[in-house]
Amino acid sequence: MNMKHKIQQLSKEFHKEVIALRHHLHANPELSYEEVKTGNFIAAQLKAYGIEHKHGCAVNGVVGLIKGKNPGKKVIALRADMDALPILEANDVPYKSKNEGVMHACGHDVHSSSLLGTAKILNEVKDQFEGTIKLIFQPAEERFPGGASIMIKEGVLRNPDPVSILGQHVHPPLEVGKIGMKAGMYMASADELYLTVHGRGGHGALPQDCIDPVVITAHIITAIQQISSRQSDPTTPTVVSFGKMIANGATNVIPNKVYLEGTFRTMDEKWRAEAHEQMTKMITMIAESMGGRAEFQIKKGYPFLINNEEMTHKARQFAIDYLGAENVVDLPIRMTAEDFAYYSHEIPGVFYRLGTGNVAKGITSPVHTTTFDIDEDALQLSTGLMAWMAINELNA
């Protein structure tokens, strides 16, 4: 039996077990930086599989090693994230979240259970490949500064040093049985914007006695869109959005201040730094020119995610060999963000999408929603494909 057929057989054999792992993780979600039980569970599974591992990188992270023949020949890494979101689950399923107000609504339960399944497959065939595979179970993808940045600082890409890394993410718009890839720039950097506009409140019928921070804020929100529409190169994707605004006045009360929160995203680090300066200058000058004052903070987040061109082309061919060309689709650029980006700036990486949707079964809810779920047939593909791609990447 050749390697591909062996992996396909093992992924089918382990499918029910991986579903059970996913159900356990889904029913017991933990927020970013709080994944204590999740880390313990993953470490226990690796121990049961007989896989060498360490627990505690970035507090709750787990790192495993699967050593094939000649383990020092080449090292690659596979990554999954572990944390959940502060969302109240609305699904009526046996594995519904037991932790009210916390839900695996972004599929990290899928990622972790899949990597456990992949690890079990790879461990079964480790005498048939050369090199070492590092397993990275990462906490805190959903919250700045991102668990990836912490794990990297704590040496997850050292001793042994992987030369490349693979990661996958659920994608409900893509039908189960398919995956998607995008070489080069793929996902945006993400910065959080915090703005307080100070004025002088008073009676709404006497605006001449006030410095209206609501009007100042309106001018700022409108003007700041010039950052993306007029200041940036049209070929560089750029987004500025404010999603939260608190004025706390009334129909006849002008407040003393207005508070805003937003996001800035782009795909060029030089422009990102320039835009930070321009936003700060624009906001400060508008507020002062209208008699007010602005406090503006930019919380720098994840960098843009870049899929290594050469490695992505190879990975695409590995996927085609495993799934067939009709099941490997091209993806567009996304302005969402992922802390896998940190790895992609350290070593060549490929971050691809796993189809988890099924229109016929009514499984269509997007990630980050109360009704997100997956067609669990995806868990057979996710484990087998990653194992296949890992072995081929070792041999590349």
Protein backbone atom coordinates (compact mmCIF):
# COMPACT_ATOMS: atom_id res chain seq x y z
CA MET A 1 0.00 0.00 0.00
CA ASN A 2 1.44 3.38 -0.98
CA MET A 3 1.63 6.29 1.48
CA LYS A 4 -1.40 8.17 0.15
CA HIS A 5 -3.66 5.15 0.46
CA LYS A 6 -2.27 4.41 3.92
CA ILE A 7 -3.03 7.95 5.09
CA GLN A 8 -6.51 7.84 3.57
CA GLN A 9 -7.17 4.55 5.31
CA LEU A 10 -5.97 5.88 8.68
CA SER A 11 -7.96 9.10 8.36
CA LYS A 12 -11.07 7.02 7.76
CA GLU A 13 -10.22 4.68 10.64
CA PHE A 14 -9.65 7.57 13.08
CA HIS A 15 -12.59 9.68 11.87
CA LYS A 16 -15.01 8.81 14.70
CA GLU A 17 -12.31 9.40 17.28
CA VAL A 18 -11.53 12.84 15.86
CA ILE A 19 -15.24 13.71 15.91
CA ALA A 20 -15.34 12.71 19.59
CA LEU A 21 -12.29 14.89 20.28
CA ARG A 22 -13.96 17.79 18.53
CA HIS A 23 -17.18 17.29 20.51
CA HIS A 24 -15.27 17.35 23.79
CA LEU A 25 -13.43 20.53 22.86
CA HIS A 26 -16.59 22.19 21.53
CA ALA A 27 -18.51 21.40 24.70
CA ASN A 28 -15.73 22.74 26.92
CA PRO A 29 -14.55 26.00 25.33
CA GLU A 30 -12.18 28.41 27.05
CA LEU A 31 -11.41 32.02 26.23
CA SER A 32 -8.05 33.35 25.08
CA TYR A 33 -5.30 33.02 27.72
CA GLU A 34 -7.62 30.80 29.81
CA GLU A 35 -7.22 27.48 27.94
CA VAL A 36 -6.05 25.50 30.98
CA LYS A 37 -8.33 22.47 30.59
CA THR A 38 -7.95 22.55 26.81
CA GLY A 39 -4.16 22.41 27.07
CA ASN A 40 -4.36 19.61 29.63
CA PHE A 41 -6.70 17.64 27.37
CA ILE A 42 -4.46 18.00 24.32
CA ALA A 43 -1.35 17.06 26.31
CA ALA A 44 -3.14 13.98 27.65
CA GLN A 45 -4.08 12.90 24.12
CA LEU A 46 -0.50 13.26 22.89
CA LYS A 47 0.69 11.23 25.88
CA ALA A 48 -1.85 8.53 25.06
CA TYR A 49 -0.55 8.45 21.48
CA GLY A 50 3.02 8.12 22.74
CA ILE A 51 4.06 11.44 21.20
CA GLU A 52 6.85 13.43 22.85
CA HIS A 53 5.54 16.82 23.97
CA LYS A 54 5.94 19.79 26.30
CA HIS A 55 3.10 21.69 27.94
CA GLY A 56 3.32 25.30 29.04
CA CYS A 57 4.68 27.35 26.14
CA ALA A 58 2.80 30.68 26.30
CA VAL A 59 1.26 29.29 29.53
CA ASN A 60 -1.32 26.95 28.00
CA GLY A 61 0.29 25.96 24.69
CA VAL A 62 1.41 22.44 23.86
CA VAL A 63 4.27 21.50 21.54
CA GLY A 64 4.77 17.95 20.29
CA LEU A 65 7.47 16.24 18.23
CA ILE A 66 7.06 13.30 15.87
CA LYS A 67 10.46 12.01 14.84
CA GLY A 68 10.78 9.91 11.73
CA LYS A 69 13.89 8.22 10.45
CA ASN A 70 16.91 10.52 10.43
CA PRO A 71 15.03 13.14 12.53
CA GLY A 72 17.63 15.86 12.06
CA LYS A 73 17.36 15.86 8.28
CA LYS A 74 14.52 18.40 8.11
CA VAL A 75 11.96 19.85 10.51
CA ILE A 76 8.57 21.30 9.63
CA ALA A 77 5.76 22.60 11.85
CA LEU A 78 1.99 22.14 11.90
CA ARG A 79 -0.12 24.63 13.85
CA ALA A 80 -3.60 24.66 15.40
CA ASP A 81 -5.19 27.23 17.71
CA MET A 82 -7.17 26.38 20.84
CA ASP A 83 -9.16 29.35 22.18
CA ALA A 84 -12.87 30.15 21.93
CA LEU A 85 -14.97 33.32 21.70
CA PRO A 86 -17.27 35.17 24.14
CA ILE A 87 -20.44 34.11 22.29
CA LEU A 88 -23.59 32.43 23.65
CA GLU A 89 -24.16 29.30 21.56
CA ALA A 90 -27.62 28.88 20.00
CA ASN A 91 -27.07 25.42 18.49
CA ASP A 92 -29.20 22.59 19.90
CA VAL A 93 -26.67 19.75 19.64
CA PRO A 94 -25.40 17.14 22.14
CA TYR A 95 -21.98 18.80 22.16
CA LYS A 96 -23.31 22.32 22.79
CA SER A 97 -21.05 24.52 24.94
CA LYS A 98 -21.31 23.80 28.66
CA ASN A 99 -19.57 27.09 29.42
CA GLU A 100 -22.39 29.63 29.00
CA GLY A 101 -21.36 32.67 27.02
CA VAL A 102 -18.27 30.97 25.58
CA MET A 103 -18.33 29.14 22.25
CA HIS A 104 -16.00 27.64 19.68
CA ALA A 105 -17.57 29.85 17.04
CA CYS A 106 -14.41 30.19 14.95
CA GLY A 107 -13.63 26.50 14.59
CA HIS A 108 -10.59 26.26 16.81
CA ASP A 109 -12.07 23.05 18.21
CA VAL A 110 -11.92 21.74 14.65
CA HIS A 111 -8.33 22.89 14.21
CA SER A 112 -7.11 21.28 17.44
CA SER A 113 -9.00 18.00 17.02
CA SER A 114 -7.81 17.82 13.41
CA LEU A 115 -4.18 18.31 14.41
CA LEU A 116 -4.56 15.61 17.04
CA GLY A 117 -5.90 13.29 14.34
CA THR A 118 -3.10 14.28 12.00
CA ALA A 119 -0.58 13.62 14.77
CA LYS A 120 -1.98 10.14 15.34
CA ILE A 121 -1.74 9.35 11.62
CA LEU A 122 1.82 10.66 11.37
CA ASN A 123 2.86 8.76 14.46
CA GLU A 124 1.56 5.56 12.89
CA VAL A 125 3.74 6.01 9.78
CA LYS A 126 6.80 7.73 11.31
CA ASP A 127 9.05 4.82 10.32
CA GLN A 128 8.19 5.57 6.69
CA PHE A 129 9.41 9.19 6.45
CA GLU A 130 12.57 11.10 7.28
CA GLY A 131 12.71 14.22 9.40
CA THR A 132 10.76 15.65 12.30
CA ILE A 133 7.29 17.20 12.52
CA LYS A 134 6.67 19.79 15.24
CA LEU A 135 3.07 20.09 16.45
CA ILE A 136 2.07 23.54 17.71
CA PHE A 137 -1.15 23.77 19.71
CA GLN A 138 -1.40 27.51 20.25
CA PRO A 139 -3.49 29.51 22.73
CA ALA A 140 -4.99 32.97 22.32
CA GLU A 141 -5.36 33.50 18.60
CA GLU A 142 -8.42 35.69 19.14
CA ARG A 143 -6.89 38.38 21.37
CA PHE A 144 -3.96 40.74 21.05
CA PRO A 145 -1.04 40.34 21.22
CA GLY A 146 -1.85 36.86 19.90
CA GLY A 147 -0.57 33.56 21.21
CA ALA A 148 1.61 33.07 18.15
CA SER A 149 3.74 36.11 19.01
CA ILE A 150 4.20 34.83 22.56
CA MET A 151 5.08 31.30 21.49
CA ILE A 152 7.63 32.62 19.01
CA LYS A 153 9.24 34.79 21.71
CA GLU A 154 9.39 31.72 23.95
CA GLY A 155 11.20 29.73 21.27
CA VAL A 156 8.58 27.57 19.59
CA LEU A 157 10.47 27.90 16.29
CA ARG A 158 13.73 26.77 17.87
CA ASN A 159 15.22 23.50 19.14
CA PRO A 160 14.51 22.00 16.69
CA ASP A 161 14.09 24.76 14.11
CA PRO A 162 11.32 24.15 11.56
CA VAL A 163 12.08 25.38 8.04
CA SER A 164 8.39 25.82 7.17
CA ILE A 165 4.92 25.73 8.71
CA LEU A 166 1.39 24.70 7.69
CA GLY A 167 -1.91 25.81 9.18
CA GLN A 168 -5.56 25.41 8.27
CA HIS A 169 -8.81 27.23 9.09
CA VAL A 170 -12.45 26.29 8.72
CA HIS A 171 -14.31 28.03 5.90
CA PRO A 172 -18.12 27.67 5.91
CA PRO A 173 -18.63 29.25 2.44
CA LEU A 174 -16.60 26.37 0.97
CA GLU A 175 -18.40 23.05 0.61
CA VAL A 176 -17.07 20.10 2.58
CA GLY A 177 -14.61 18.07 0.52
CA LYS A 178 -12.82 21.13 -0.83
CA ILE A 179 -9.98 23.35 0.33
CA GLY A 180 -8.88 26.82 -0.76
CA MET A 181 -5.49 28.47 -1.12
CA LYS A 182 -4.03 31.86 -1.99
CA ALA A 183 -0.33 32.38 -2.70
CA GLY A 184 1.32 35.61 -1.59
CA MET A 185 -0.51 38.32 0.36
CA TYR A 186 -3.58 36.69 1.85
CA MET A 187 -4.83 38.34 5.07
CA ALA A 188 -4.53 41.84 6.47
CA SER A 189 -2.70 43.31 9.42
CA ALA A 190 -5.05 44.38 12.21
CA ASP A 191 -4.73 47.36 14.53
CA GLU A 192 -7.25 48.46 17.14
CA LEU A 193 -8.19 52.14 17.30
CA TYR A 194 -9.32 53.84 20.52
CA LEU A 195 -10.44 57.47 20.36
CA THR A 196 -11.92 59.87 22.90
CA VAL A 197 -13.06 63.27 21.63
CA HIS A 198 -13.37 65.88 24.38
CA GLY A 199 -15.56 68.95 24.12
CA ARG A 200 -17.74 70.96 26.48
CA GLY A 201 -21.24 69.71 27.05
CA GLY A 202 -24.42 71.57 27.76
CA HIS A 203 -28.01 72.13 26.67
CA GLY A 204 -28.78 70.95 23.16
CA ALA A 205 -30.77 74.12 22.53
CA LEU A 206 -27.76 76.30 23.40
CA PRO A 207 -24.97 74.95 21.17
CA GLN A 208 -23.23 78.34 21.18
CA ASP A 209 -22.31 77.71 24.80
CA CYS A 210 -20.83 74.27 24.04
CA ILE A 211 -18.03 72.61 22.12
CA ASP A 212 -19.94 69.73 20.62
CA PRO A 213 -17.84 66.52 20.59
CA VAL A 214 -20.53 64.72 18.59
CA VAL A 215 -20.13 67.12 15.67
CA ILE A 216 -16.34 66.94 15.98
CA THR A 217 -16.55 63.14 15.95
CA ALA A 218 -18.75 63.19 12.86
CA HIS A 219 -16.13 65.23 11.01
CA ILE A 220 -13.37 62.87 12.17
CA ILE A 221 -15.23 59.74 11.05
CA THR A 222 -15.89 61.24 7.64
CA ALA A 223 -12.39 62.65 7.18
CA ILE A 224 -10.56 59.53 8.33
CA GLN A 225 -11.95 57.63 5.35
CA GLN A 226 -9.52 59.66 3.24
CA ILE A 227 -6.80 57.43 4.67
CA SER A 228 -8.11 54.54 2.59
CA SER A 229 -9.69 56.46 -0.31
CA ARG A 230 -7.13 59.21 -0.95
CA GLN A 231 -3.97 58.72 1.11
CA SER A 232 -3.23 55.07 0.33
CA ASP A 233 -2.04 53.56 -2.92
CA PRO A 234 -5.20 52.19 -4.61
CA THR A 235 -3.36 48.91 -5.21
CA THR A 236 -2.79 48.41 -1.46
CA PRO A 237 -5.89 47.09 0.30
CA THR A 238 -6.74 49.38 3.24
CA VAL A 239 -9.72 49.54 5.59
CA VAL A 240 -10.60 51.98 8.38
CA SER A 241 -13.80 51.23 10.29
CA PHE A 242 -15.29 52.42 13.56
CA GLY A 243 -17.75 49.97 15.06
CA LYS A 244 -18.39 51.42 18.50
CA MET A 245 -19.36 54.95 19.51
CA ILE A 246 -20.61 56.13 22.92
CA ALA A 247 -21.80 59.71 23.43
CA ASN A 248 -24.13 59.35 26.44
CA GLY A 249 -25.96 62.58 25.80
CA ALA A 250 -29.73 62.91 25.33
CA THR A 251 -32.19 64.53 22.95
CA ASN A 252 -31.42 67.88 24.54
CA VAL A 253 -28.02 67.20 26.10
CA ILE A 254 -24.68 67.66 24.36
CA PRO A 255 -22.16 65.38 26.14
CA ASN A 256 -18.70 66.34 27.29
CA LYS A 257 -17.02 63.60 25.33
CA VAL A 258 -17.51 60.85 22.74
CA TYR A 259 -15.72 57.50 22.83
CA LEU A 260 -14.99 55.38 19.74
CA GLU A 261 -13.39 52.04 18.92
CA GLY A 262 -12.39 50.86 15.47
CA THR A 263 -9.97 48.93 13.33
CA PHE A 264 -7.30 49.70 10.75
CA ARG A 265 -6.21 47.01 8.31
CA THR A 266 -3.82 46.86 5.39
CA MET A 267 -1.23 44.68 3.65
CA ASP A 268 1.91 46.80 3.59
CA GLU A 269 4.02 47.39 6.70
CA LYS A 270 5.59 50.65 5.47
CA TRP A 271 2.20 52.11 4.60
CA ARG A 272 0.81 50.79 7.89
CA ALA A 273 3.32 52.90 9.85
CA GLU A 274 2.69 55.96 7.66
CA ALA A 275 -1.08 55.60 8.08
CA HIS A 276 -0.73 55.50 11.84
CA GLU A 277 1.03 58.87 11.73
CA GLN A 278 -1.49 60.36 9.31
CA MET A 279 -4.50 59.23 11.34
CA THR A 280 -3.00 60.67 14.52
CA LYS A 281 -2.24 64.00 12.85
CA MET A 282 -5.65 64.24 11.14
CA ILE A 283 -7.64 63.43 14.27
CA THR A 284 -5.65 65.81 16.47
CA MET A 285 -5.93 68.73 14.03
CA ILE A 286 -9.65 68.30 13.37
CA ALA A 287 -10.48 68.19 17.08
CA GLU A 288 -8.31 71.21 17.89
CA SER A 289 -9.56 73.25 14.92
CA MET A 290 -13.11 72.85 16.24
CA GLY A 291 -12.18 73.78 19.79
CA GLY A 292 -11.98 70.26 21.20
CA ARG A 293 -9.30 67.77 22.09
CA ALA A 294 -8.67 64.19 21.05
CA GLU A 295 -6.98 61.28 22.80
CA PHE A 296 -6.06 58.69 20.20
CA GLN A 297 -4.44 55.31 20.83
CA ILE A 298 -3.44 52.73 18.23
CA LYS A 299 -2.99 49.23 19.60
CA LYS A 300 -0.77 47.54 17.05
CA GLY A 301 -1.91 44.02 16.32
CA TYR A 302 -1.10 41.18 13.95
CA PRO A 303 0.97 41.76 10.82
CA PHE A 304 -0.36 40.83 7.39
CA LEU A 305 -0.30 37.16 6.53
CA ILE A 306 1.76 36.10 3.55
CA ASN A 307 1.69 32.62 2.07
CA ASN A 308 5.13 31.79 0.70
CA GLU A 309 4.75 31.64 -3.08
CA GLU A 310 6.98 28.62 -3.73
CA MET A 311 5.69 26.65 -0.78
CA THR A 312 2.05 27.41 -1.65
CA HIS A 313 2.51 26.19 -5.21
CA LYS A 314 3.98 22.95 -3.87
CA ALA A 315 1.23 22.57 -1.27
CA ARG A 316 -1.41 23.14 -3.93
CA GLN A 317 0.02 20.28 -5.97
CA PHE A 318 0.14 18.04 -2.88
CA ALA A 319 -3.53 18.84 -2.27
CA ILE A 320 -4.44 18.17 -5.89
CA ASP A 321 -2.67 14.82 -5.71
CA TYR A 322 -4.68 13.94 -2.61
CA LEU A 323 -8.09 15.46 -3.42
CA GLY A 324 -8.21 16.04 -7.16
CA ALA A 325 -7.89 19.40 -8.94
CA GLU A 326 -11.65 20.04 -8.81
CA ASN A 327 -11.49 20.16 -5.00
CA VAL A 328 -8.68 22.71 -4.68
CA VAL A 329 -9.93 26.25 -5.30
CA ASP A 330 -8.33 29.68 -5.52
CA LEU A 331 -9.16 32.16 -2.77
CA PRO A 332 -9.26 35.97 -2.88
CA ILE A 333 -7.45 38.31 -0.52
CA ARG A 334 -9.20 38.71 2.86
CA MET A 335 -9.17 41.78 5.07
CA THR A 336 -9.73 39.65 8.15
CA ALA A 337 -6.67 38.89 10.28
CA GLU A 338 -4.97 35.84 11.79
CA ASP A 339 -2.04 35.57 14.15
CA PHE A 340 -0.63 32.74 12.03
CA ALA A 341 0.77 35.81 10.25
CA TYR A 342 3.53 36.02 12.87
CA TYR A 343 4.83 32.59 11.82
CA SER A 344 4.63 33.59 8.15
CA HIS A 345 7.07 36.46 8.81
CA GLU A 346 9.55 34.13 10.52
CA ILE A 347 9.62 31.08 8.21
CA PRO A 348 7.91 30.11 4.94
CA GLY A 349 4.31 29.22 5.66
CA VAL A 350 1.04 28.18 4.04
CA PHE A 351 -2.30 28.94 5.65
CA TYR A 352 -5.19 27.33 3.77
CA ARG A 353 -8.95 27.01 4.16
CA LEU A 354 -10.88 23.83 4.92
CA GLY A 355 -14.35 23.55 3.44
CA THR A 356 -16.84 22.86 6.24
CA GLY A 357 -20.16 23.99 4.77
CA ASN A 358 -23.01 21.86 3.45
CA VAL A 359 -25.99 23.69 1.99
CA ALA A 360 -28.04 20.49 1.69
CA LYS A 361 -27.67 19.87 5.43
CA GLY A 362 -28.30 23.53 6.31
CA ILE A 363 -24.76 24.00 7.58
CA THR A 364 -24.12 27.52 6.31
CA SER A 365 -23.62 29.79 9.35
CA PRO A 366 -20.49 31.97 9.19
CA VAL A 367 -17.76 31.89 11.81
CA HIS A 368 -18.21 34.15 14.85
CA THR A 369 -21.97 33.54 14.91
CA THR A 370 -24.14 31.81 17.51
CA THR A 371 -25.13 29.01 15.11
CA PHE A 372 -21.74 28.19 13.59
CA ASP A 373 -21.15 24.47 13.07
CA ILE A 374 -19.49 22.20 10.53
CA ASP A 375 -20.17 19.15 8.41
CA GLU A 376 -17.99 16.72 10.33
CA ASP A 377 -17.07 14.83 7.17
CA ALA A 378 -14.48 17.63 6.97
CA LEU A 379 -12.63 16.04 9.90
CA GLN A 380 -11.61 13.08 7.78
CA LEU A 381 -10.25 15.30 5.04
CA SER A 382 -8.57 17.73 7.44
CA THR A 383 -6.52 15.05 9.20
CA GLY A 384 -5.51 13.05 6.16
CA LEU A 385 -4.69 16.01 3.94
CA MET A 386 -2.48 17.71 6.53
CA ALA A 387 -0.62 14.46 7.15
CA TRP A 388 -0.12 14.00 3.41
CA MET A 389 1.04 17.59 2.94
CA ALA A 390 3.39 17.34 5.92
CA ILE A 391 5.13 14.23 4.63
CA ASN A 392 5.45 15.70 1.15
CA GLU A 393 6.79 18.98 2.57
CA LEU A 394 9.43 16.98 4.46
CA ASN A 395 10.43 15.30 1.21
CA ALA A 396 10.37 18.52 -0.87
